[in-house]
Amino acid sequence: MVLKETAMHTVNLPSFRIFGVQTRTCNADEETLKTARLPLLWHDVYTELVPELSADAPVYGVYGGYESDQDGWYTVTAGADQKPKKCNLDLVEVTVPSGQYLVFSGKGKMPETVIRVWLDIWDYFKREDTPHQRAYTADFEVYRGREETAIEVSVHIAIK
């Protein structure tokens, strides 16, 4: 059964801004290291941006600019909700739109935990009895904690 280990709930959120670095990718490209763009994006964020943040500041991954659905191209912005005074990265600003989000959460080792949560999300939305429909406007991940073995991740999926 889906969601054995992943907690889930809905929230209505106001819009907010994220400052970070971007790349455009698709899930098919992320399946192999040769074409994957996200590992380098996250490496840059954790080596250049995160050290400039307060120890308890969450880190975000914002997904937007969807070409179609989970199989199409999309833009990922990895960053924070505060713009550091000092950072060697060329940061962009994105706005996460207000709206209703279905939140899937997990805690554990990275990257296994976030992969498991996303697999649960895709399984959930494939089910015929799923009461929610993805909006494909903007989705986002929130990472709390700096220990690679005990990261808390919440993935917010925009729903109609």
N, C-alpha and C. Protein backbone atom coordinates (compact mmCIF):
# COMPACT_ATOMS: atom_id res chain seq x y z
N MET A 1 0.84 -1.19 0.00
CA MET A 1 0.00 0.00 0.00
C MET A 1 0.87 1.24 0.00
N VAL A 2 0.40 2.24 -0.66
CA VAL A 2 1.10 3.52 -0.75
C VAL A 2 1.06 4.23 0.61
N LEU A 3 2.02 5.07 0.84
CA LEU A 3 2.06 5.93 2.03
C LEU A 3 2.24 5.15 3.32
N LYS A 4 2.89 4.02 3.29
CA LYS A 4 3.17 3.28 4.52
C LYS A 4 4.01 4.11 5.47
N GLU A 5 5.03 4.76 4.94
CA GLU A 5 5.96 5.49 5.78
C GLU A 5 5.82 7.00 5.65
N THR A 6 5.02 7.48 4.72
CA THR A 6 4.91 8.90 4.45
C THR A 6 3.62 9.45 5.03
N ALA A 7 3.75 10.44 5.91
CA ALA A 7 2.58 11.12 6.47
C ALA A 7 2.03 12.10 5.44
N MET A 8 0.72 12.40 5.52
CA MET A 8 0.09 13.26 4.53
C MET A 8 -1.01 14.11 5.17
N HIS A 9 -1.12 15.40 4.77
CA HIS A 9 -2.20 16.28 5.20
C HIS A 9 -2.32 17.45 4.21
N THR A 10 -3.42 18.22 4.27
CA THR A 10 -3.60 19.37 3.39
C THR A 10 -3.43 20.66 4.18
N VAL A 11 -2.95 21.71 3.47
CA VAL A 11 -2.79 23.04 4.06
C VAL A 11 -3.13 24.09 3.01
N ASN A 12 -3.60 25.25 3.46
CA ASN A 12 -3.75 26.43 2.61
C ASN A 12 -2.65 27.39 3.00
N LEU A 13 -1.85 27.83 2.03
CA LEU A 13 -0.69 28.66 2.33
C LEU A 13 -0.72 29.97 1.56
N PRO A 14 -0.21 31.05 2.18
CA PRO A 14 -0.01 32.30 1.45
C PRO A 14 1.21 32.17 0.54
N SER A 15 1.34 33.09 -0.39
CA SER A 15 2.53 33.06 -1.25
C SER A 15 3.76 33.46 -0.44
N PHE A 16 4.93 33.02 -0.90
CA PHE A 16 6.18 33.40 -0.26
C PHE A 16 7.30 33.33 -1.29
N ARG A 17 8.44 33.95 -0.95
CA ARG A 17 9.56 34.03 -1.88
C ARG A 17 10.70 33.11 -1.46
N ILE A 18 11.40 32.61 -2.47
CA ILE A 18 12.59 31.78 -2.26
C ILE A 18 13.72 32.39 -3.10
N PHE A 19 14.91 32.43 -2.51
CA PHE A 19 16.11 32.91 -3.20
C PHE A 19 17.03 31.71 -3.41
N GLY A 20 17.36 31.43 -4.66
CA GLY A 20 18.17 30.24 -4.90
C GLY A 20 18.73 30.17 -6.30
N VAL A 21 19.18 28.98 -6.66
CA VAL A 21 19.72 28.72 -7.99
C VAL A 21 18.78 27.77 -8.72
N GLN A 22 18.79 27.87 -10.05
CA GLN A 22 17.81 27.13 -10.85
C GLN A 22 18.45 26.23 -11.88
N THR A 23 17.66 25.23 -12.28
CA THR A 23 17.96 24.43 -13.45
C THR A 23 16.65 23.93 -14.03
N ARG A 24 16.68 23.58 -15.29
CA ARG A 24 15.50 23.00 -15.95
C ARG A 24 15.84 21.55 -16.26
N THR A 25 14.91 20.65 -15.95
CA THR A 25 15.17 19.22 -16.10
C THR A 25 13.87 18.46 -16.31
N CYS A 26 13.99 17.15 -16.39
CA CYS A 26 12.83 16.26 -16.44
C CYS A 26 13.21 14.99 -15.69
N ASN A 27 12.21 14.26 -15.23
CA ASN A 27 12.48 13.06 -14.43
C ASN A 27 13.29 12.02 -15.19
N ALA A 28 13.08 11.91 -16.50
CA ALA A 28 13.85 10.93 -17.28
C ALA A 28 15.35 11.25 -17.23
N ASP A 29 15.71 12.53 -17.30
CA ASP A 29 17.13 12.92 -17.23
C ASP A 29 17.70 12.69 -15.84
N GLU A 30 16.88 12.77 -14.81
CA GLU A 30 17.36 12.62 -13.43
C GLU A 30 17.59 11.16 -13.05
N GLU A 31 17.21 10.23 -13.92
CA GLU A 31 17.38 8.81 -13.61
C GLU A 31 18.81 8.31 -13.78
N THR A 32 19.65 9.06 -14.49
CA THR A 32 21.05 8.64 -14.67
C THR A 32 21.98 9.80 -14.30
N LEU A 33 23.11 9.47 -13.70
CA LEU A 33 24.06 10.50 -13.29
C LEU A 33 24.61 11.30 -14.46
N LYS A 34 24.72 10.69 -15.61
CA LYS A 34 25.27 11.36 -16.78
C LYS A 34 24.43 12.56 -17.22
N THR A 35 23.10 12.46 -17.07
CA THR A 35 22.22 13.54 -17.52
C THR A 35 21.56 14.29 -16.36
N ALA A 36 21.71 13.82 -15.15
CA ALA A 36 21.06 14.45 -13.99
C ALA A 36 21.65 15.84 -13.72
N ARG A 37 20.78 16.80 -13.48
CA ARG A 37 21.19 18.16 -13.16
C ARG A 37 21.01 18.48 -11.68
N LEU A 38 20.10 17.78 -11.03
CA LEU A 38 19.77 18.11 -9.64
C LEU A 38 20.90 17.84 -8.64
N PRO A 39 21.68 16.78 -8.78
CA PRO A 39 22.77 16.59 -7.80
C PRO A 39 23.74 17.77 -7.76
N LEU A 40 24.10 18.33 -8.91
CA LEU A 40 25.00 19.47 -8.94
C LEU A 40 24.33 20.71 -8.35
N LEU A 41 23.06 20.90 -8.68
CA LEU A 41 22.31 22.04 -8.13
C LEU A 41 22.32 21.99 -6.60
N TRP A 42 21.98 20.83 -6.03
CA TRP A 42 21.93 20.69 -4.58
C TRP A 42 23.32 20.77 -3.97
N HIS A 43 24.33 20.26 -4.66
CA HIS A 43 25.70 20.38 -4.17
C HIS A 43 26.07 21.86 -4.03
N ASP A 44 25.77 22.66 -5.05
CA ASP A 44 26.06 24.09 -4.99
C ASP A 44 25.33 24.76 -3.83
N VAL A 45 24.07 24.41 -3.63
CA VAL A 45 23.29 25.01 -2.55
C VAL A 45 23.87 24.65 -1.19
N TYR A 46 24.20 23.38 -0.99
CA TYR A 46 24.69 22.96 0.32
C TYR A 46 26.14 23.38 0.59
N THR A 47 26.92 23.66 -0.44
CA THR A 47 28.30 24.11 -0.20
C THR A 47 28.44 25.63 -0.19
N GLU A 48 27.59 26.34 -0.92
CA GLU A 48 27.73 27.80 -1.03
C GLU A 48 26.66 28.60 -0.28
N LEU A 49 25.41 28.14 -0.31
CA LEU A 49 24.31 28.90 0.28
C LEU A 49 24.04 28.52 1.73
N VAL A 50 23.88 27.24 1.99
CA VAL A 50 23.51 26.78 3.33
C VAL A 50 24.47 27.24 4.42
N PRO A 51 25.80 27.25 4.20
CA PRO A 51 26.69 27.74 5.26
C PRO A 51 26.45 29.20 5.65
N GLU A 52 25.80 29.97 4.78
CA GLU A 52 25.52 31.38 5.07
C GLU A 52 24.19 31.57 5.79
N LEU A 53 23.42 30.50 5.99
CA LEU A 53 22.12 30.57 6.65
C LEU A 53 22.25 30.25 8.12
N SER A 54 21.26 30.66 8.91
CA SER A 54 21.23 30.26 10.32
C SER A 54 21.06 28.75 10.39
N ALA A 55 21.52 28.15 11.47
CA ALA A 55 21.53 26.69 11.61
C ALA A 55 20.15 26.07 11.51
N ASP A 56 19.10 26.81 11.90
CA ASP A 56 17.75 26.25 11.88
C ASP A 56 16.93 26.68 10.66
N ALA A 57 17.55 27.38 9.73
CA ALA A 57 16.83 27.85 8.54
C ALA A 57 16.49 26.68 7.63
N PRO A 58 15.24 26.58 7.19
CA PRO A 58 14.89 25.51 6.25
C PRO A 58 15.49 25.78 4.87
N VAL A 59 15.66 24.71 4.11
CA VAL A 59 16.13 24.79 2.74
C VAL A 59 14.97 24.32 1.86
N TYR A 60 14.79 24.98 0.72
CA TYR A 60 13.64 24.70 -0.15
C TYR A 60 14.07 24.22 -1.52
N GLY A 61 13.23 23.38 -2.10
CA GLY A 61 13.32 23.02 -3.50
C GLY A 61 11.97 23.32 -4.12
N VAL A 62 11.91 24.27 -5.05
CA VAL A 62 10.65 24.71 -5.66
C VAL A 62 10.59 24.20 -7.10
N TYR A 63 9.50 23.54 -7.43
CA TYR A 63 9.28 22.98 -8.76
C TYR A 63 8.19 23.79 -9.46
N GLY A 64 8.48 24.31 -10.63
CA GLY A 64 7.49 25.10 -11.36
C GLY A 64 7.77 25.06 -12.85
N GLY A 65 7.04 25.89 -13.59
CA GLY A 65 7.22 25.93 -15.03
C GLY A 65 7.01 24.58 -15.69
N TYR A 66 6.03 23.85 -15.16
CA TYR A 66 5.77 22.50 -15.68
C TYR A 66 5.36 22.54 -17.15
N GLU A 67 6.01 21.73 -17.95
CA GLU A 67 5.66 21.58 -19.36
C GLU A 67 4.32 20.85 -19.50
N SER A 68 4.11 19.85 -18.65
CA SER A 68 2.88 19.06 -18.73
C SER A 68 2.57 18.43 -17.38
N ASP A 69 3.17 17.30 -17.09
CA ASP A 69 2.92 16.57 -15.86
C ASP A 69 4.25 16.07 -15.32
N GLN A 70 4.23 15.02 -14.51
CA GLN A 70 5.48 14.53 -13.90
C GLN A 70 6.48 14.00 -14.92
N ASP A 71 6.04 13.75 -16.14
CA ASP A 71 6.93 13.23 -17.17
C ASP A 71 7.53 14.32 -18.06
N GLY A 72 7.04 15.56 -17.93
CA GLY A 72 7.54 16.65 -18.77
C GLY A 72 8.66 17.43 -18.09
N TRP A 73 9.10 18.47 -18.77
CA TRP A 73 10.16 19.34 -18.25
C TRP A 73 9.60 20.27 -17.18
N TYR A 74 10.46 20.66 -16.25
CA TYR A 74 10.10 21.58 -15.17
C TYR A 74 11.36 22.31 -14.70
N THR A 75 11.16 23.40 -13.98
CA THR A 75 12.26 24.19 -13.43
C THR A 75 12.34 23.95 -11.94
N VAL A 76 13.54 23.73 -11.43
CA VAL A 76 13.76 23.56 -10.00
C VAL A 76 14.59 24.73 -9.50
N THR A 77 14.13 25.36 -8.42
CA THR A 77 14.88 26.39 -7.73
C THR A 77 15.20 25.86 -6.34
N ALA A 78 16.47 25.74 -6.02
CA ALA A 78 16.90 25.27 -4.70
C ALA A 78 17.47 26.46 -3.95
N GLY A 79 16.96 26.69 -2.72
CA GLY A 79 17.43 27.84 -1.97
C GLY A 79 16.79 27.98 -0.62
N ALA A 80 16.59 29.24 -0.22
CA ALA A 80 16.10 29.55 1.12
C ALA A 80 15.13 30.72 1.06
N ASP A 81 14.37 30.91 2.14
CA ASP A 81 13.42 32.01 2.20
C ASP A 81 14.06 33.30 2.71
N GLN A 82 15.34 33.27 2.95
CA GLN A 82 16.10 34.46 3.32
C GLN A 82 17.28 34.59 2.37
N LYS A 83 17.55 35.82 1.95
CA LYS A 83 18.67 36.05 1.03
C LYS A 83 19.91 36.35 1.86
N PRO A 84 20.92 35.49 1.78
CA PRO A 84 22.12 35.74 2.58
C PRO A 84 22.88 36.97 2.10
N LYS A 85 23.53 37.65 3.04
CA LYS A 85 24.31 38.83 2.67
C LYS A 85 25.51 38.46 1.82
N LYS A 86 26.04 37.28 2.08
CA LYS A 86 27.24 36.83 1.36
C LYS A 86 26.96 35.46 0.76
N CYS A 87 27.11 35.35 -0.55
CA CYS A 87 26.94 34.06 -1.23
C CYS A 87 27.58 34.16 -2.60
N ASN A 88 28.35 33.16 -2.98
CA ASN A 88 29.06 33.16 -4.27
C ASN A 88 28.18 32.74 -5.44
N LEU A 89 26.95 32.34 -5.16
CA LEU A 89 26.05 31.90 -6.23
C LEU A 89 25.26 33.07 -6.79
N ASP A 90 24.89 32.98 -8.05
CA ASP A 90 24.04 33.99 -8.69
C ASP A 90 22.59 33.61 -8.40
N LEU A 91 22.02 34.20 -7.35
CA LEU A 91 20.69 33.81 -6.88
C LEU A 91 19.58 34.47 -7.69
N VAL A 92 18.51 33.72 -7.91
CA VAL A 92 17.29 34.24 -8.50
C VAL A 92 16.20 34.22 -7.43
N GLU A 93 15.17 35.00 -7.64
CA GLU A 93 14.04 35.03 -6.72
C GLU A 93 12.82 34.44 -7.41
N VAL A 94 12.15 33.51 -6.74
CA VAL A 94 10.90 32.95 -7.26
C VAL A 94 9.82 33.10 -6.19
N THR A 95 8.60 33.23 -6.64
CA THR A 95 7.46 33.31 -5.72
C THR A 95 6.67 32.02 -5.81
N VAL A 96 6.48 31.39 -4.67
CA VAL A 96 5.62 30.21 -4.57
C VAL A 96 4.20 30.75 -4.40
N PRO A 97 3.27 30.38 -5.28
CA PRO A 97 1.92 30.94 -5.20
C PRO A 97 1.13 30.44 -4.00
N SER A 98 0.22 31.28 -3.55
CA SER A 98 -0.70 30.86 -2.50
C SER A 98 -1.59 29.76 -3.05
N GLY A 99 -2.15 28.97 -2.16
CA GLY A 99 -3.05 27.93 -2.61
C GLY A 99 -3.14 26.77 -1.66
N GLN A 100 -3.86 25.75 -2.10
CA GLN A 100 -4.03 24.54 -1.31
C GLN A 100 -2.98 23.52 -1.74
N TYR A 101 -2.31 22.95 -0.73
CA TYR A 101 -1.25 21.99 -0.96
C TYR A 101 -1.51 20.71 -0.17
N LEU A 102 -1.19 19.60 -0.79
CA LEU A 102 -1.20 18.30 -0.12
C LEU A 102 0.24 18.05 0.29
N VAL A 103 0.47 17.84 1.59
CA VAL A 103 1.82 17.74 2.13
C VAL A 103 2.14 16.29 2.48
N PHE A 104 3.24 15.80 1.94
CA PHE A 104 3.75 14.46 2.22
C PHE A 104 5.06 14.64 2.98
N SER A 105 5.23 13.92 4.10
CA SER A 105 6.41 14.13 4.94
C SER A 105 7.13 12.83 5.24
N GLY A 106 8.43 12.96 5.46
CA GLY A 106 9.25 11.82 5.86
C GLY A 106 10.47 12.31 6.61
N LYS A 107 11.13 11.40 7.29
CA LYS A 107 12.35 11.74 8.02
C LYS A 107 13.31 10.57 7.92
N GLY A 108 14.58 10.89 7.67
CA GLY A 108 15.58 9.83 7.58
C GLY A 108 16.79 10.26 6.80
N LYS A 109 17.47 9.28 6.24
CA LYS A 109 18.71 9.49 5.52
C LYS A 109 18.44 10.08 4.14
N MET A 110 19.34 10.94 3.71
CA MET A 110 19.24 11.52 2.38
C MET A 110 20.21 10.80 1.44
N PRO A 111 19.88 10.66 0.17
CA PRO A 111 18.67 11.13 -0.50
C PRO A 111 17.52 10.12 -0.47
N GLU A 112 17.72 9.00 0.21
CA GLU A 112 16.71 7.93 0.21
C GLU A 112 15.34 8.41 0.68
N THR A 113 15.32 9.27 1.69
CA THR A 113 14.04 9.71 2.25
C THR A 113 13.23 10.52 1.25
N VAL A 114 13.86 11.49 0.60
CA VAL A 114 13.12 12.31 -0.36
C VAL A 114 12.71 11.48 -1.58
N ILE A 115 13.53 10.54 -1.98
CA ILE A 115 13.15 9.66 -3.10
C ILE A 115 11.93 8.84 -2.72
N ARG A 116 11.92 8.28 -1.50
CA ARG A 116 10.77 7.50 -1.04
C ARG A 116 9.50 8.35 -1.00
N VAL A 117 9.62 9.58 -0.51
CA VAL A 117 8.44 10.46 -0.44
C VAL A 117 7.91 10.74 -1.85
N TRP A 118 8.80 11.06 -2.80
CA TRP A 118 8.34 11.31 -4.17
C TRP A 118 7.72 10.07 -4.81
N LEU A 119 8.27 8.89 -4.56
CA LEU A 119 7.66 7.67 -5.08
C LEU A 119 6.26 7.48 -4.52
N ASP A 120 6.08 7.79 -3.23
CA ASP A 120 4.75 7.72 -2.62
C ASP A 120 3.80 8.73 -3.25
N ILE A 121 4.30 9.93 -3.54
CA ILE A 121 3.47 10.96 -4.17
C ILE A 121 2.99 10.48 -5.54
N TRP A 122 3.92 10.00 -6.36
CA TRP A 122 3.54 9.54 -7.70
C TRP A 122 2.57 8.37 -7.63
N ASP A 123 2.78 7.45 -6.70
CA ASP A 123 1.85 6.33 -6.52
C ASP A 123 0.48 6.83 -6.08
N TYR A 124 0.45 7.79 -5.16
CA TYR A 124 -0.81 8.33 -4.66
C TYR A 124 -1.64 8.93 -5.80
N PHE A 125 -1.00 9.73 -6.65
CA PHE A 125 -1.75 10.40 -7.71
C PHE A 125 -2.08 9.48 -8.88
N LYS A 126 -1.51 8.30 -8.95
CA LYS A 126 -1.86 7.30 -9.98
C LYS A 126 -3.12 6.53 -9.61
N ARG A 127 -3.43 6.49 -8.32
CA ARG A 127 -4.58 5.69 -7.86
C ARG A 127 -5.89 6.25 -8.41
N GLU A 128 -6.79 5.36 -8.77
CA GLU A 128 -8.09 5.78 -9.29
C GLU A 128 -8.97 6.40 -8.20
N ASP A 129 -8.77 6.00 -6.95
CA ASP A 129 -9.61 6.50 -5.86
C ASP A 129 -9.02 7.73 -5.16
N THR A 130 -8.00 8.34 -5.75
CA THR A 130 -7.38 9.53 -5.15
C THR A 130 -8.35 10.70 -5.24
N PRO A 131 -8.68 11.33 -4.10
CA PRO A 131 -9.64 12.44 -4.12
C PRO A 131 -9.03 13.77 -4.57
N HIS A 132 -7.72 13.83 -4.77
CA HIS A 132 -7.06 15.08 -5.14
C HIS A 132 -6.51 15.00 -6.55
N GLN A 133 -6.40 16.18 -7.18
CA GLN A 133 -5.81 16.28 -8.51
C GLN A 133 -4.71 17.33 -8.46
N ARG A 134 -3.54 17.00 -9.00
CA ARG A 134 -2.42 17.94 -9.01
C ARG A 134 -2.74 19.14 -9.90
N ALA A 135 -2.31 20.33 -9.45
CA ALA A 135 -2.51 21.55 -10.21
C ALA A 135 -1.35 21.84 -11.16
N TYR A 136 -0.16 21.33 -10.87
CA TYR A 136 1.05 21.58 -11.66
C TYR A 136 1.32 23.07 -11.82
N THR A 137 1.07 23.83 -10.76
CA THR A 137 1.43 25.25 -10.75
C THR A 137 2.82 25.40 -10.14
N ALA A 138 2.94 25.04 -8.87
CA ALA A 138 4.24 25.00 -8.19
C ALA A 138 4.14 24.00 -7.05
N ASP A 139 5.15 23.20 -6.90
CA ASP A 139 5.27 22.28 -5.77
C ASP A 139 6.57 22.64 -5.07
N PHE A 140 6.69 22.28 -3.80
CA PHE A 140 7.96 22.59 -3.14
C PHE A 140 8.27 21.62 -2.02
N GLU A 141 9.59 21.46 -1.81
CA GLU A 141 10.11 20.64 -0.73
C GLU A 141 10.65 21.58 0.35
N VAL A 142 10.49 21.18 1.61
CA VAL A 142 11.10 21.91 2.72
C VAL A 142 11.97 20.91 3.47
N TYR A 143 13.24 21.25 3.60
CA TYR A 143 14.20 20.40 4.32
C TYR A 143 14.56 21.06 5.64
N ARG A 144 14.44 20.31 6.73
CA ARG A 144 14.82 20.82 8.05
C ARG A 144 15.88 19.90 8.63
N GLY A 145 16.91 20.52 9.19
CA GLY A 145 18.01 19.76 9.76
C GLY A 145 19.18 19.70 8.81
N ARG A 146 20.35 19.51 9.37
CA ARG A 146 21.57 19.47 8.56
C ARG A 146 22.25 18.11 8.58
N GLU A 147 21.76 17.20 9.42
CA GLU A 147 22.35 15.86 9.50
C GLU A 147 21.84 15.01 8.34
N GLU A 148 22.73 14.50 7.51
CA GLU A 148 22.32 13.70 6.35
C GLU A 148 21.55 12.44 6.73
N THR A 149 21.71 11.98 7.96
CA THR A 149 21.02 10.76 8.37
C THR A 149 19.69 11.03 9.07
N ALA A 150 19.36 12.30 9.30
CA ALA A 150 18.11 12.62 10.02
C ALA A 150 17.45 13.88 9.47
N ILE A 151 17.36 13.99 8.17
CA ILE A 151 16.72 15.14 7.54
C ILE A 151 15.20 14.95 7.60
N GLU A 152 14.49 16.04 7.90
CA GLU A 152 13.03 16.03 7.79
C GLU A 152 12.68 16.71 6.48
N VAL A 153 11.87 16.05 5.67
CA VAL A 153 11.46 16.63 4.39
C VAL A 153 9.94 16.62 4.30
N SER A 154 9.39 17.76 3.86
CA SER A 154 7.96 17.88 3.59
C SER A 154 7.83 18.33 2.14
N VAL A 155 7.10 17.55 1.35
CA VAL A 155 6.88 17.90 -0.05
C VAL A 155 5.45 18.38 -0.19
N HIS A 156 5.29 19.63 -0.64
CA HIS A 156 3.99 20.28 -0.79
C HIS A 156 3.59 20.23 -2.26
N ILE A 157 2.49 19.56 -2.55
CA ILE A 157 2.01 19.40 -3.92
C ILE A 157 0.77 20.27 -4.11
N ALA A 158 0.82 21.21 -5.06
CA ALA A 158 -0.33 22.06 -5.34
C ALA A 158 -1.47 21.21 -5.89
N ILE A 159 -2.67 21.41 -5.31
CA ILE A 159 -3.83 20.65 -5.75
C ILE A 159 -4.95 21.59 -6.18
N LYS A 160 -5.83 21.06 -7.04
CA LYS A 160 -6.97 21.84 -7.55
C LYS A 160 -8.09 21.83 -6.54
